[in-house]
Amino acid sequence: MQSLNNTQPDVTVLSHSEDKVSLALYISEDIDYFRGHFPGAPILAGVVQLDWAVKFAQQYLTFPSTVQDVEVLKFQVVTTVNMTVNLTLERNENGKCIFSYHSDKGQHASGRLVFASQLL
């Protein structure tokens, strides 16, 4: 079984506050998730986009480690190789994380992440 070594995009922080971060993600053709998905016309799987939204929400907005639910998840425009997309993550008034990926091609994906409460 081959291990994945290159699984993250190149990240540039465009803006960052306590409750919101905007990131530019350069998604190179070398990212391992493109292998086999789909030969000749590689696209970034939605599950990878969801995983990155969770990881970056935890990293930049200090959300808890456990996702309880994903709400209103939509994938609109495919993300392909050698593309830069902007990821915006924002903590709303209910403590949920709203995320959206967009580029000059339009809205790629969006949704709401519900993280498990830090208090038990």
PDB file of N, CA and C in Angstrom:
ATOM      1  N   MET A   1       0.845  -1.181   0.000  1.00  0.00           N
ATOM      2  CA  MET A   1       0.000   0.000   0.000  1.00  0.00           C
ATOM      3  C   MET A   1       0.889   1.243   0.000  1.00  0.00           C
ATOM      4  N   GLN A   2       0.635   2.135  -0.920  1.00  0.00           N
ATOM      5  CA  GLN A   2       1.432   3.348  -1.041  1.00  0.00           C
ATOM      6  C   GLN A   2       0.899   4.416  -0.087  1.00  0.00           C
ATOM      7  N   SER A   3       1.793   5.045   0.654  1.00  0.00           N
ATOM      8  CA  SER A   3       1.350   6.094   1.579  1.00  0.00           C
ATOM      9  C   SER A   3       1.220   7.419   0.842  1.00  0.00           C
ATOM     10  N   LEU A   4       0.342   8.263   1.342  1.00  0.00           N
ATOM     11  CA  LEU A   4       0.156   9.586   0.787  1.00  0.00           C
ATOM     12  C   LEU A   4       1.143  10.534   1.453  1.00  0.00           C
ATOM     13  N   ASN A   5       1.940  11.205   0.642  1.00  0.00           N
ATOM     14  CA  ASN A   5       2.932  12.122   1.192  1.00  0.00           C
ATOM     15  C   ASN A   5       2.579  13.572   0.932  1.00  0.00           C
ATOM     16  N   ASN A   6       2.008  13.846  -0.204  1.00  0.00           N
ATOM     17  CA  ASN A   6       1.694  15.217  -0.579  1.00  0.00           C
ATOM     18  C   ASN A   6       0.177  15.373  -0.585  1.00  0.00           C
ATOM     19  N   THR A   7      -0.367  15.718   0.563  1.00  0.00           N
ATOM     20  CA  THR A   7      -1.827  15.741   0.700  1.00  0.00           C
ATOM     21  C   THR A   7      -2.393  17.121   1.023  1.00  0.00           C
ATOM     22  N   GLN A   8      -1.540  18.116   1.078  1.00  0.00           N
ATOM     23  CA  GLN A   8      -1.999  19.455   1.446  1.00  0.00           C
ATOM     24  C   GLN A   8      -1.705  20.452   0.331  1.00  0.00           C
ATOM     25  N   PRO A   9      -2.590  21.420   0.160  1.00  0.00           N
ATOM     26  CA  PRO A   9      -2.310  22.482  -0.810  1.00  0.00           C
ATOM     27  C   PRO A   9      -1.291  23.463  -0.237  1.00  0.00           C
ATOM     28  N   ASP A  10      -0.757  24.310  -1.094  1.00  0.00           N
ATOM     29  CA  ASP A  10       0.059  25.427  -0.624  1.00  0.00           C
ATOM     30  C   ASP A  10      -0.906  26.494  -0.130  1.00  0.00           C
ATOM     31  N   VAL A  11      -0.714  26.952   1.102  1.00  0.00           N
ATOM     32  CA  VAL A  11      -1.667  27.853   1.749  1.00  0.00           C
ATOM     33  C   VAL A  11      -1.060  29.240   1.941  1.00  0.00           C
ATOM     34  N   THR A  12      -1.846  30.249   1.570  1.00  0.00           N
ATOM     35  CA  THR A  12      -1.508  31.640   1.858  1.00  0.00           C
ATOM     36  C   THR A  12      -2.668  32.236   2.643  1.00  0.00           C
ATOM     37  N   VAL A  13      -2.377  32.812   3.799  1.00  0.00           N
ATOM     38  CA  VAL A  13      -3.417  33.455   4.597  1.00  0.00           C
ATOM     39  C   VAL A  13      -3.681  34.839   4.007  1.00  0.00           C
ATOM     40  N   LEU A  14      -4.924  35.058   3.576  1.00  0.00           N
ATOM     41  CA  LEU A  14      -5.312  36.350   3.005  1.00  0.00           C
ATOM     42  C   LEU A  14      -5.766  37.312   4.095  1.00  0.00           C
ATOM     43  N   SER A  15      -6.516  36.794   5.067  1.00  0.00           N
ATOM     44  CA  SER A  15      -6.929  37.582   6.230  1.00  0.00           C
ATOM     45  C   SER A  15      -7.278  36.616   7.347  1.00  0.00           C
ATOM     46  N   HIS A  16      -7.134  37.107   8.590  1.00  0.00           N
ATOM     47  CA  HIS A  16      -7.388  36.225   9.734  1.00  0.00           C
ATOM     48  C   HIS A  16      -7.800  37.074  10.927  1.00  0.00           C
ATOM     49  N   SER A  17      -8.949  36.732  11.508  1.00  0.00           N
ATOM     50  CA  SER A  17      -9.393  37.349  12.751  1.00  0.00           C
ATOM     51  C   SER A  17      -9.829  36.224  13.675  1.00  0.00           C
ATOM     52  N   GLU A  18     -10.344  36.582  14.817  1.00  0.00           N
ATOM     53  CA  GLU A  18     -10.747  35.565  15.796  1.00  0.00           C
ATOM     54  C   GLU A  18     -11.825  34.640  15.251  1.00  0.00           C
ATOM     55  N   ASP A  19     -12.760  35.167  14.465  1.00  0.00           N
ATOM     56  CA  ASP A  19     -13.898  34.378  13.999  1.00  0.00           C
ATOM     57  C   ASP A  19     -13.956  34.138  12.501  1.00  0.00           C
ATOM     58  N   LYS A  20     -12.926  34.567  11.765  1.00  0.00           N
ATOM     59  CA  LYS A  20     -12.968  34.390  10.312  1.00  0.00           C
ATOM     60  C   LYS A  20     -11.560  34.319   9.750  1.00  0.00           C
ATOM     61  N   VAL A  21     -11.378  33.429   8.763  1.00  0.00           N
ATOM     62  CA  VAL A  21     -10.115  33.343   8.055  1.00  0.00           C
ATOM     63  C   VAL A  21     -10.398  33.134   6.573  1.00  0.00           C
ATOM     64  N   SER A  22      -9.588  33.782   5.748  1.00  0.00           N
ATOM     65  CA  SER A  22      -9.650  33.585   4.304  1.00  0.00           C
ATOM     66  C   SER A  22      -8.287  33.091   3.855  1.00  0.00           C
ATOM     67  N   LEU A  23      -8.294  31.973   3.143  1.00  0.00           N
ATOM     68  CA  LEU A  23      -7.063  31.336   2.701  1.00  0.00           C
ATOM     69  C   LEU A  23      -7.077  31.178   1.189  1.00  0.00           C
ATOM     70  N   ALA A  24      -5.935  31.357   0.563  1.00  0.00           N
ATOM     71  CA  ALA A  24      -5.762  31.011  -0.847  1.00  0.00           C
ATOM     72  C   ALA A  24      -5.055  29.662  -0.868  1.00  0.00           C
ATOM     73  N   LEU A  25      -5.660  28.694  -1.521  1.00  0.00           N
ATOM     74  CA  LEU A  25      -5.103  27.352  -1.597  1.00  0.00           C
ATOM     75  C   LEU A  25      -4.680  27.072  -3.032  1.00  0.00           C
ATOM     76  N   TYR A  26      -3.391  26.865  -3.246  1.00  0.00           N
ATOM     77  CA  TYR A  26      -2.929  26.450  -4.565  1.00  0.00           C
ATOM     78  C   TYR A  26      -2.906  24.930  -4.573  1.00  0.00           C
ATOM     79  N   ILE A  27      -3.648  24.352  -5.491  1.00  0.00           N
ATOM     80  CA  ILE A  27      -3.828  22.902  -5.534  1.00  0.00           C
ATOM     81  C   ILE A  27      -3.053  22.365  -6.730  1.00  0.00           C
ATOM     82  N   SER A  28      -1.837  21.936  -6.474  1.00  0.00           N
ATOM     83  CA  SER A  28      -0.953  21.483  -7.555  1.00  0.00           C
ATOM     84  C   SER A  28      -1.333  20.086  -8.029  1.00  0.00           C
ATOM     85  N   GLU A  29      -0.900  19.791  -9.224  1.00  0.00           N
ATOM     86  CA  GLU A  29      -1.166  18.471  -9.805  1.00  0.00           C
ATOM     87  C   GLU A  29      -0.440  17.368  -9.055  1.00  0.00           C
ATOM     88  N   ASP A  30       0.510  17.725  -8.186  1.00  0.00           N
ATOM     89  CA  ASP A  30       1.285  16.739  -7.443  1.00  0.00           C
ATOM     90  C   ASP A  30       0.572  16.213  -6.199  1.00  0.00           C
ATOM     91  N   ILE A  31      -0.559  16.801  -5.859  1.00  0.00           N
ATOM     92  CA  ILE A  31      -1.280  16.325  -4.669  1.00  0.00           C
ATOM     93  C   ILE A  31      -1.748  14.887  -4.911  1.00  0.00           C
ATOM     94  N   ASP A  32      -1.440  14.038  -3.964  1.00  0.00           N
ATOM     95  CA  ASP A  32      -1.694  12.609  -4.108  1.00  0.00           C
ATOM     96  C   ASP A  32      -3.164  12.261  -4.326  1.00  0.00           C
ATOM     97  N   TYR A  33      -4.079  13.105  -3.868  1.00  0.00           N
ATOM     98  CA  TYR A  33      -5.500  12.795  -4.010  1.00  0.00           C
ATOM     99  C   TYR A  33      -5.968  12.774  -5.462  1.00  0.00           C
ATOM    100  N   PHE A  34      -5.187  13.337  -6.373  1.00  0.00           N
ATOM    101  CA  PHE A  34      -5.569  13.323  -7.783  1.00  0.00           C
ATOM    102  C   PHE A  34      -5.305  11.972  -8.440  1.00  0.00           C
ATOM    103  N   ARG A  35      -4.427  11.176  -7.862  1.00  0.00           N
ATOM    104  CA  ARG A  35      -4.096   9.877  -8.457  1.00  0.00           C
ATOM    105  C   ARG A  35      -5.330   8.994  -8.521  1.00  0.00           C
ATOM    106  N   GLY A  36      -5.705   8.633  -9.758  1.00  0.00           N
ATOM    107  CA  GLY A  36      -6.831   7.736  -9.957  1.00  0.00           C
ATOM    108  C   GLY A  36      -8.188   8.401  -9.861  1.00  0.00           C
ATOM    109  N   HIS A  37      -8.215   9.710  -9.754  1.00  0.00           N
ATOM    110  CA  HIS A  37      -9.509  10.404  -9.564  1.00  0.00           C
ATOM    111  C   HIS A  37      -9.607  11.581 -10.522  1.00  0.00           C
ATOM    112  N   PHE A  38      -9.803  11.514 -11.616  1.00  0.00           N
ATOM    113  CA  PHE A  38     -10.058  10.551 -12.664  1.00  0.00           C
ATOM    114  C   PHE A  38      -8.964  10.659 -13.708  1.00  0.00           C
ATOM    115  N   PRO A  39      -8.435   9.556 -14.206  1.00  0.00           N
ATOM    116  CA  PRO A  39      -7.355   9.605 -15.197  1.00  0.00           C
ATOM    117  C   PRO A  39      -7.769  10.433 -16.417  1.00  0.00           C
ATOM    118  N   GLY A  40      -6.882  11.329 -16.835  1.00  0.00           N
ATOM    119  CA  GLY A  40      -7.161  12.158 -17.999  1.00  0.00           C
ATOM    120  C   GLY A  40      -7.915  13.437 -17.681  1.00  0.00           C
ATOM    121  N   ALA A  41      -8.628  13.475 -16.599  1.00  0.00           N
ATOM    122  CA  ALA A  41      -9.390  14.667 -16.189  1.00  0.00           C
ATOM    123  C   ALA A  41      -9.492  14.691 -14.669  1.00  0.00           C
ATOM    124  N   PRO A  42      -8.360  14.870 -13.970  1.00  0.00           N
ATOM    125  CA  PRO A  42      -8.368  14.773 -12.506  1.00  0.00           C
ATOM    126  C   PRO A  42      -9.152  15.902 -11.836  1.00  0.00           C
ATOM    127  N   ILE A  43      -9.945  15.518 -10.834  1.00  0.00           N
ATOM    128  CA  ILE A  43     -10.669  16.494 -10.021  1.00  0.00           C
ATOM    129  C   ILE A  43     -10.415  16.187  -8.546  1.00  0.00           C
ATOM    130  N   LEU A  44     -10.553  17.193  -7.735  1.00  0.00           N
ATOM    131  CA  LEU A  44     -10.366  17.035  -6.291  1.00  0.00           C
ATOM    132  C   LEU A  44     -11.677  16.550  -5.686  1.00  0.00           C
ATOM    133  N   ALA A  45     -11.638  15.425  -5.027  1.00  0.00           N
ATOM    134  CA  ALA A  45     -12.844  14.836  -4.440  1.00  0.00           C
ATOM    135  C   ALA A  45     -13.457  15.743  -3.381  1.00  0.00           C
ATOM    136  N   GLY A  46     -14.772  15.728  -3.300  1.00  0.00           N
ATOM    137  CA  GLY A  46     -15.487  16.512  -2.310  1.00  0.00           C
ATOM    138  C   GLY A  46     -15.087  16.165  -0.892  1.00  0.00           C
ATOM    139  N   VAL A  47     -14.816  14.901  -0.639  1.00  0.00           N
ATOM    140  CA  VAL A  47     -14.442  14.483   0.716  1.00  0.00           C
ATOM    141  C   VAL A  47     -13.115  15.123   1.132  1.00  0.00           C
ATOM    142  N   VAL A  48     -12.229  15.369   0.176  1.00  0.00           N
ATOM    143  CA  VAL A  48     -10.957  16.037   0.474  1.00  0.00           C
ATOM    144  C   VAL A  48     -11.216  17.503   0.812  1.00  0.00           C
ATOM    145  N   GLN A  49     -12.088  18.150   0.042  1.00  0.00           N
ATOM    146  CA  GLN A  49     -12.432  19.540   0.327  1.00  0.00           C
ATOM    147  C   GLN A  49     -13.058  19.671   1.711  1.00  0.00           C
ATOM    148  N   LEU A  50     -13.911  18.735   2.067  1.00  0.00           N
ATOM    149  CA  LEU A  50     -14.530  18.732   3.391  1.00  0.00           C
ATOM    150  C   LEU A  50     -13.462  18.534   4.475  1.00  0.00           C
ATOM    151  N   ASP A  51     -12.546  17.596   4.245  1.00  0.00           N
ATOM    152  CA  ASP A  51     -11.469  17.341   5.201  1.00  0.00           C
ATOM    153  C   ASP A  51     -10.604  18.587   5.406  1.00  0.00           C
ATOM    154  N   TRP A  52     -10.267  19.269   4.321  1.00  0.00           N
ATOM    155  CA  TRP A  52      -9.461  20.485   4.444  1.00  0.00           C
ATOM    156  C   TRP A  52     -10.220  21.570   5.198  1.00  0.00           C
ATOM    157  N   ALA A  53     -11.509  21.719   4.946  1.00  0.00           N
ATOM    158  CA  ALA A  53     -12.296  22.727   5.671  1.00  0.00           C
ATOM    159  C   ALA A  53     -12.253  22.438   7.169  1.00  0.00           C
ATOM    160  N   VAL A  54     -12.403  21.183   7.544  1.00  0.00           N
ATOM    161  CA  VAL A  54     -12.356  20.799   8.959  1.00  0.00           C
ATOM    162  C   VAL A  54     -10.977  21.093   9.543  1.00  0.00           C
ATOM    163  N   LYS A  55      -9.935  20.641   8.869  1.00  0.00           N
ATOM    164  CA  LYS A  55      -8.573  20.830   9.388  1.00  0.00           C
ATOM    165  C   LYS A  55      -8.207  22.303   9.538  1.00  0.00           C
ATOM    166  N   PHE A  56      -8.544  23.106   8.525  1.00  0.00           N
ATOM    167  CA  PHE A  56      -8.192  24.526   8.601  1.00  0.00           C
ATOM    168  C   PHE A  56      -9.062  25.271   9.609  1.00  0.00           C
ATOM    169  N   ALA A  57     -10.311  24.847   9.801  1.00  0.00           N
ATOM    170  CA  ALA A  57     -11.156  25.444  10.849  1.00  0.00           C
ATOM    171  C   ALA A  57     -10.555  25.162  12.230  1.00  0.00           C
ATOM    172  N   GLN A  58     -10.053  23.961  12.410  1.00  0.00           N
ATOM    173  CA  GLN A  58      -9.423  23.613  13.682  1.00  0.00           C
ATOM    174  C   GLN A  58      -8.111  24.373  13.872  1.00  0.00           C
ATOM    175  N   GLN A  59      -7.346  24.497  12.803  1.00  0.00           N
ATOM    176  CA  GLN A  59      -6.046  25.152  12.884  1.00  0.00           C
ATOM    177  C   GLN A  59      -6.157  26.655  13.097  1.00  0.00           C
ATOM    178  N   TYR A  60      -7.005  27.317  12.339  1.00  0.00           N
ATOM    179  CA  TYR A  60      -7.042  28.780  12.362  1.00  0.00           C
ATOM    180  C   TYR A  60      -8.117  29.365  13.289  1.00  0.00           C
ATOM    181  N   LEU A  61      -9.188  28.612  13.528  1.00  0.00           N
ATOM    182  CA  LEU A  61     -10.276  29.139  14.360  1.00  0.00           C
ATOM    183  C   LEU A  61     -10.465  28.332  15.644  1.00  0.00           C
ATOM    184  N   THR A  62      -9.548  27.434  15.927  1.00  0.00           N
ATOM    185  CA  THR A  62      -9.505  26.617  17.145  1.00  0.00           C
ATOM    186  C   THR A  62     -10.819  25.912  17.469  1.00  0.00           C
ATOM    187  N   PHE A  63     -11.438  25.327  16.443  1.00  0.00           N
ATOM    188  CA  PHE A  63     -12.609  24.489  16.699  1.00  0.00           C
ATOM    189  C   PHE A  63     -12.158  23.176  17.324  1.00  0.00           C
ATOM    190  N   PRO A  64     -13.052  22.497  18.050  1.00  0.00           N
ATOM    191  CA  PRO A  64     -12.714  21.210  18.667  1.00  0.00           C
ATOM    192  C   PRO A  64     -12.332  20.160  17.618  1.00  0.00           C
ATOM    193  N   SER A  65     -11.796  19.054  18.077  1.00  0.00           N
ATOM    194  CA  SER A  65     -11.289  18.019  17.169  1.00  0.00           C
ATOM    195  C   SER A  65     -12.378  17.136  16.556  1.00  0.00           C
ATOM    196  N   THR A  66     -13.570  17.123  17.127  1.00  0.00           N
ATOM    197  CA  THR A  66     -14.610  16.213  16.655  1.00  0.00           C
ATOM    198  C   THR A  66     -15.722  16.965  15.929  1.00  0.00           C
ATOM    199  N   VAL A  67     -16.016  16.516  14.708  1.00  0.00           N
ATOM    200  CA  VAL A  67     -17.135  17.064  13.951  1.00  0.00           C
ATOM    201  C   VAL A  67     -18.381  16.257  14.305  1.00  0.00           C
ATOM    202  N   GLN A  68     -19.419  16.958  14.708  1.00  0.00           N
ATOM    203  CA  GLN A  68     -20.674  16.319  15.088  1.00  0.00           C
ATOM    204  C   GLN A  68     -21.604  16.148  13.884  1.00  0.00           C
ATOM    205  N   ASP A  69     -21.594  17.141  12.970  1.00  0.00           N
ATOM    206  CA  ASP A  69     -22.525  17.108  11.841  1.00  0.00           C
ATOM    207  C   ASP A  69     -22.011  18.022  10.732  1.00  0.00           C
ATOM    208  N   VAL A  70     -22.461  17.748   9.515  1.00  0.00           N
ATOM    209  CA  VAL A  70     -22.208  18.616   8.373  1.00  0.00           C
ATOM    210  C   VAL A  70     -23.575  18.995   7.815  1.00  0.00           C
ATOM    211  N   GLU A  71     -23.810  20.293   7.678  1.00  0.00           N
ATOM    212  CA  GLU A  71     -25.109  20.783   7.228  1.00  0.00           C
ATOM    213  C   GLU A  71     -24.970  21.495   5.883  1.00  0.00           C
ATOM    214  N   VAL A  72     -26.027  21.468   5.127  1.00  0.00           N
ATOM    215  CA  VAL A  72     -26.170  22.161   3.829  1.00  0.00           C
ATOM    216  C   VAL A  72     -24.920  22.061   2.942  1.00  0.00           C
ATOM    217  N   LEU A  73     -24.370  20.879   2.833  1.00  0.00           N
ATOM    218  CA  LEU A  73     -23.179  20.639   2.036  1.00  0.00           C
ATOM    219  C   LEU A  73     -23.551  20.656   0.555  1.00  0.00           C
ATOM    220  N   LYS A  74     -22.843  21.487  -0.199  1.00  0.00           N
ATOM    221  CA  LYS A  74     -23.100  21.601  -1.636  1.00  0.00           C
ATOM    222  C   LYS A  74     -21.777  21.646  -2.386  1.00  0.00           C
ATOM    223  N   PHE A  75     -21.738  20.961  -3.512  1.00  0.00           N
ATOM    224  CA  PHE A  75     -20.603  21.016  -4.423  1.00  0.00           C
ATOM    225  C   PHE A  75     -21.136  21.531  -5.750  1.00  0.00           C
ATOM    226  N   GLN A  76     -20.627  22.678  -6.185  1.00  0.00           N
ATOM    227  CA  GLN A  76     -21.179  23.320  -7.372  1.00  0.00           C
ATOM    228  C   GLN A  76     -20.266  23.231  -8.597  1.00  0.00           C
ATOM    229  N   VAL A  77     -18.986  23.545  -8.438  1.00  0.00           N
ATOM    230  CA  VAL A  77     -18.038  23.572  -9.549  1.00  0.00           C
ATOM    231  C   VAL A  77     -16.852  22.691  -9.171  1.00  0.00           C
ATOM    232  N   VAL A  78     -16.424  21.822 -10.083  1.00  0.00           N
ATOM    233  CA  VAL A  78     -15.307  20.929  -9.769  1.00  0.00           C
ATOM    234  C   VAL A  78     -14.017  21.718  -9.593  1.00  0.00           C
ATOM    235  N   THR A  79     -13.151  21.187  -8.750  1.00  0.00           N
ATOM    236  CA  THR A  79     -11.832  21.749  -8.507  1.00  0.00           C
ATOM    237  C   THR A  79     -10.830  20.849  -9.217  1.00  0.00           C
ATOM    238  N   THR A  80     -10.010  21.462 -10.054  1.00  0.00           N
ATOM    239  CA  THR A  80      -9.080  20.696 -10.866  1.00  0.00           C
ATOM    240  C   THR A  80      -7.634  21.022 -10.493  1.00  0.00           C
ATOM    241  N   VAL A  81      -6.703  20.392 -11.190  1.00  0.00           N
ATOM    242  CA  VAL A  81      -5.278  20.570 -10.893  1.00  0.00           C
ATOM    243  C   VAL A  81      -4.793  21.971 -11.234  1.00  0.00           C
ATOM    244  N   ASN A  82      -3.738  22.361 -10.525  1.00  0.00           N
ATOM    245  CA  ASN A  82      -3.056  23.637 -10.746  1.00  0.00           C
ATOM    246  C   ASN A  82      -4.008  24.828 -10.673  1.00  0.00           C
ATOM    247  N   MET A  83      -4.896  24.769  -9.706  1.00  0.00           N
ATOM    248  CA  MET A  83      -5.902  25.811  -9.520  1.00  0.00           C
ATOM    249  C   MET A  83      -5.699  26.453  -8.154  1.00  0.00           C
ATOM    250  N   THR A  84      -5.973  27.741  -8.066  1.00  0.00           N
ATOM    251  CA  THR A  84      -6.000  28.423  -6.777  1.00  0.00           C
ATOM    252  C   THR A  84      -7.457  28.692  -6.430  1.00  0.00           C
ATOM    253  N   VAL A  85      -7.859  28.226  -5.264  1.00  0.00           N
ATOM    254  CA  VAL A  85      -9.204  28.497  -4.769  1.00  0.00           C
ATOM    255  C   VAL A  85      -9.083  29.215  -3.437  1.00  0.00           C
ATOM    256  N   ASN A  86     -10.048  30.051  -3.144  1.00  0.00           N
ATOM    257  CA  ASN A  86     -10.093  30.729  -1.855  1.00  0.00           C
ATOM    258  C   ASN A  86     -11.039  29.969  -0.950  1.00  0.00           C
ATOM    259  N   LEU A  87     -10.592  29.707   0.248  1.00  0.00           N
ATOM    260  CA  LEU A  87     -11.408  29.050   1.268  1.00  0.00           C
ATOM    261  C   LEU A  87     -11.672  30.076   2.359  1.00  0.00           C
ATOM    262  N   THR A  88     -12.952  30.323   2.611  1.00  0.00           N
ATOM    263  CA  THR A  88     -13.350  31.205   3.700  1.00  0.00           C
ATOM    264  C   THR A  88     -14.013  30.363   4.776  1.00  0.00           C
ATOM    265  N   LEU A  89     -13.574  30.550   5.998  1.00  0.00           N
ATOM    266  CA  LEU A  89     -14.114  29.852   7.167  1.00  0.00           C
ATOM    267  C   LEU A  89     -14.546  30.902   8.167  1.00  0.00           C
ATOM    268  N   GLU A  90     -15.779  30.770   8.682  1.00  0.00           N
ATOM    269  CA  GLU A  90     -16.288  31.775   9.608  1.00  0.00           C
ATOM    270  C   GLU A  90     -17.127  31.124  10.703  1.00  0.00           C
ATOM    271  N   ARG A  91     -16.858  31.519  11.937  1.00  0.00           N
ATOM    272  CA  ARG A  91     -17.664  31.063  13.079  1.00  0.00           C
ATOM    273  C   ARG A  91     -18.904  31.949  13.135  1.00  0.00           C
ATOM    274  N   ASN A  92     -20.102  31.327  13.037  1.00  0.00           N
ATOM    275  CA  ASN A  92     -21.326  32.141  13.087  1.00  0.00           C
ATOM    276  C   ASN A  92     -21.798  32.319  14.528  1.00  0.00           C
ATOM    277  N   GLU A  93     -22.894  33.024  14.696  1.00  0.00           N
ATOM    278  CA  GLU A  93     -23.404  33.343  16.034  1.00  0.00           C
ATOM    279  C   GLU A  93     -23.836  32.100  16.820  1.00  0.00           C
ATOM    280  N   ASN A  94     -24.068  30.984  16.121  1.00  0.00           N
ATOM    281  CA  ASN A  94     -24.437  29.734  16.798  1.00  0.00           C
ATOM    282  C   ASN A  94     -23.230  28.843  17.075  1.00  0.00           C
ATOM    283  N   GLY A  95     -22.038  29.333  16.773  1.00  0.00           N
ATOM    284  CA  GLY A  95     -20.829  28.558  17.019  1.00  0.00           C
ATOM    285  C   GLY A  95     -20.513  27.536  15.950  1.00  0.00           C
ATOM    286  N   LYS A  96     -21.231  27.586  14.833  1.00  0.00           N
ATOM    287  CA  LYS A  96     -20.963  26.671  13.729  1.00  0.00           C
ATOM    288  C   LYS A  96     -19.956  27.310  12.796  1.00  0.00           C
ATOM    289  N   CYS A  97     -19.311  26.487  11.980  1.00  0.00           N
ATOM    290  CA  CYS A  97     -18.326  26.985  11.025  1.00  0.00           C
ATOM    291  C   CYS A  97     -18.918  26.943   9.622  1.00  0.00           C
ATOM    292  N   ILE A  98     -19.080  28.105   9.040  1.00  0.00           N
ATOM    293  CA  ILE A  98     -19.551  28.206   7.662  1.00  0.00           C
ATOM    294  C   ILE A  98     -18.315  28.236   6.781  1.00  0.00           C
ATOM    295  N   PHE A  99     -18.290  27.379   5.751  1.00  0.00           N
ATOM    296  CA  PHE A  99     -17.143  27.389   4.852  1.00  0.00           C
ATOM    297  C   PHE A  99     -17.596  27.515   3.409  1.00  0.00           C
ATOM    298  N   SER A 100     -16.724  28.106   2.598  1.00  0.00           N
ATOM    299  CA  SER A 100     -16.983  28.157   1.162  1.00  0.00           C
ATOM    300  C   SER A 100     -15.668  28.221   0.407  1.00  0.00           C
ATOM    301  N   TYR A 101     -15.638  27.488  -0.688  1.00  0.00           N
ATOM    302  CA  TYR A 101     -14.520  27.502  -1.624  1.00  0.00           C
ATOM    303  C   TYR A 101     -14.992  28.244  -2.863  1.00  0.00           C
ATOM    304  N   HIS A 102     -14.185  29.176  -3.362  1.00  0.00           N
ATOM    305  CA  HIS A 102     -14.542  29.867  -4.590  1.00  0.00           C
ATOM    306  C   HIS A 102     -13.278  30.288  -5.346  1.00  0.00           C
ATOM    307  N   SER A 103     -13.464  30.511  -6.628  1.00  0.00           N
ATOM    308  CA  SER A 103     -12.378  30.984  -7.489  1.00  0.00           C
ATOM    309  C   SER A 103     -13.006  31.815  -8.589  1.00  0.00           C
ATOM    310  N   ASP A 104     -12.200  32.181  -9.563  1.00  0.00           N
ATOM    311  CA  ASP A 104     -12.758  32.918 -10.688  1.00  0.00           C
ATOM    312  C   ASP A 104     -13.722  32.073 -11.513  1.00  0.00           C
ATOM    313  N   LYS A 105     -13.749  30.771 -11.283  1.00  0.00           N
ATOM    314  CA  LYS A 105     -14.700  29.877 -11.962  1.00  0.00           C
ATOM    315  C   LYS A 105     -16.042  29.815 -11.246  1.00  0.00           C
ATOM    316  N   GLY A 106     -16.134  30.403 -10.060  1.00  0.00           N
ATOM    317  CA  GLY A 106     -17.382  30.421  -9.308  1.00  0.00           C
ATOM    318  C   GLY A 106     -17.260  29.743  -7.957  1.00  0.00           C
ATOM    319  N   GLN A 107     -18.409  29.434  -7.385  1.00  0.00           N
ATOM    320  CA  GLN A 107     -18.489  28.754  -6.088  1.00  0.00           C
ATOM    321  C   GLN A 107     -18.226  27.268  -6.308  1.00  0.00           C
ATOM    322  N   HIS A 108     -17.221  26.726  -5.615  1.00  0.00           N
ATOM    323  CA  HIS A 108     -16.874  25.315  -5.765  1.00  0.00           C
ATOM    324  C   HIS A 108     -17.624  24.440  -4.765  1.00  0.00           C
ATOM    325  N   ALA A 109     -17.646  24.861  -3.520  1.00  0.00           N
ATOM    326  CA  ALA A 109     -18.286  24.067  -2.472  1.00  0.00           C
ATOM    327  C   ALA A 109     -18.612  24.974  -1.296  1.00  0.00           C
ATOM    328  N   SER A 110     -19.594  24.544  -0.505  1.00  0.00           N
ATOM    329  CA  SER A 110     -19.953  25.302   0.698  1.00  0.00           C
ATOM    330  C   SER A 110     -20.705  24.388   1.649  1.00  0.00           C
ATOM    331  N   GLY A 111     -20.782  24.840   2.885  1.00  0.00           N
ATOM    332  CA  GLY A 111     -21.510  24.081   3.891  1.00  0.00           C
ATOM    333  C   GLY A 111     -21.285  24.651   5.278  1.00  0.00           C
ATOM    334  N   ARG A 112     -21.837  23.953   6.255  1.00  0.00           N
ATOM    335  CA  ARG A 112     -21.705  24.324   7.666  1.00  0.00           C
ATOM    336  C   ARG A 112     -21.202  23.119   8.429  1.00  0.00           C
ATOM    337  N   LEU A 113     -20.208  23.344   9.254  1.00  0.00           N
ATOM    338  CA  LEU A 113     -19.650  22.298  10.111  1.00  0.00           C
ATOM    339  C   LEU A 113     -20.120  22.526  11.534  1.00  0.00           C
ATOM    340  N   VAL A 114     -20.623  21.475  12.139  1.00  0.00           N
ATOM    341  CA  VAL A 114     -21.039  21.528  13.537  1.00  0.00           C
ATOM    342  C   VAL A 114     -20.036  20.687  14.316  1.00  0.00           C
ATOM    343  N   PHE A 115     -19.273  21.337  15.151  1.00  0.00           N
ATOM    344  CA  PHE A 115     -18.271  20.637  15.950  1.00  0.00           C
ATOM    345  C   PHE A 115     -18.866  20.272  17.300  1.00  0.00           C
ATOM    346  N   ALA A 116     -18.398  19.146  17.846  1.00  0.00           N
ATOM    347  CA  ALA A 116     -18.824  18.732  19.174  1.00  0.00           C
ATOM    348  C   ALA A 116     -18.378  19.774  20.187  1.00  0.00           C
ATOM    349  N   SER A 117     -19.185  19.991  21.173  1.00  0.00           N
ATOM    350  CA  SER A 117     -18.885  20.981  22.192  1.00  0.00           C
ATOM    351  C   SER A 117     -17.597  20.634  22.911  1.00  0.00           C
ATOM    352  N   GLN A 118     -16.830  21.642  23.217  1.00  0.00           N
ATOM    353  CA  GLN A 118     -15.613  21.441  23.982  1.00  0.00           C
ATOM    354  C   GLN A 118     -15.942  21.091  25.433  1.00  0.00           C
ATOM    355  N   LEU A 119     -17.133  21.450  25.878  1.00  0.00           N
ATOM    356  CA  LEU A 119     -17.555  21.134  27.241  1.00  0.00           C
ATOM    357  C   LEU A 119     -18.458  19.922  27.218  1.00  0.00           C
ATOM    358  N   LEU A 120     -18.193  18.969  28.062  1.00  0.00           N
ATOM    359  CA  LEU A 120     -19.013  17.744  28.134  1.00  0.00           C
ATOM    360  C   LEU A 120     -19.977  17.817  29.305  1.00  0.00           C
TER     361      LEU A 120
END
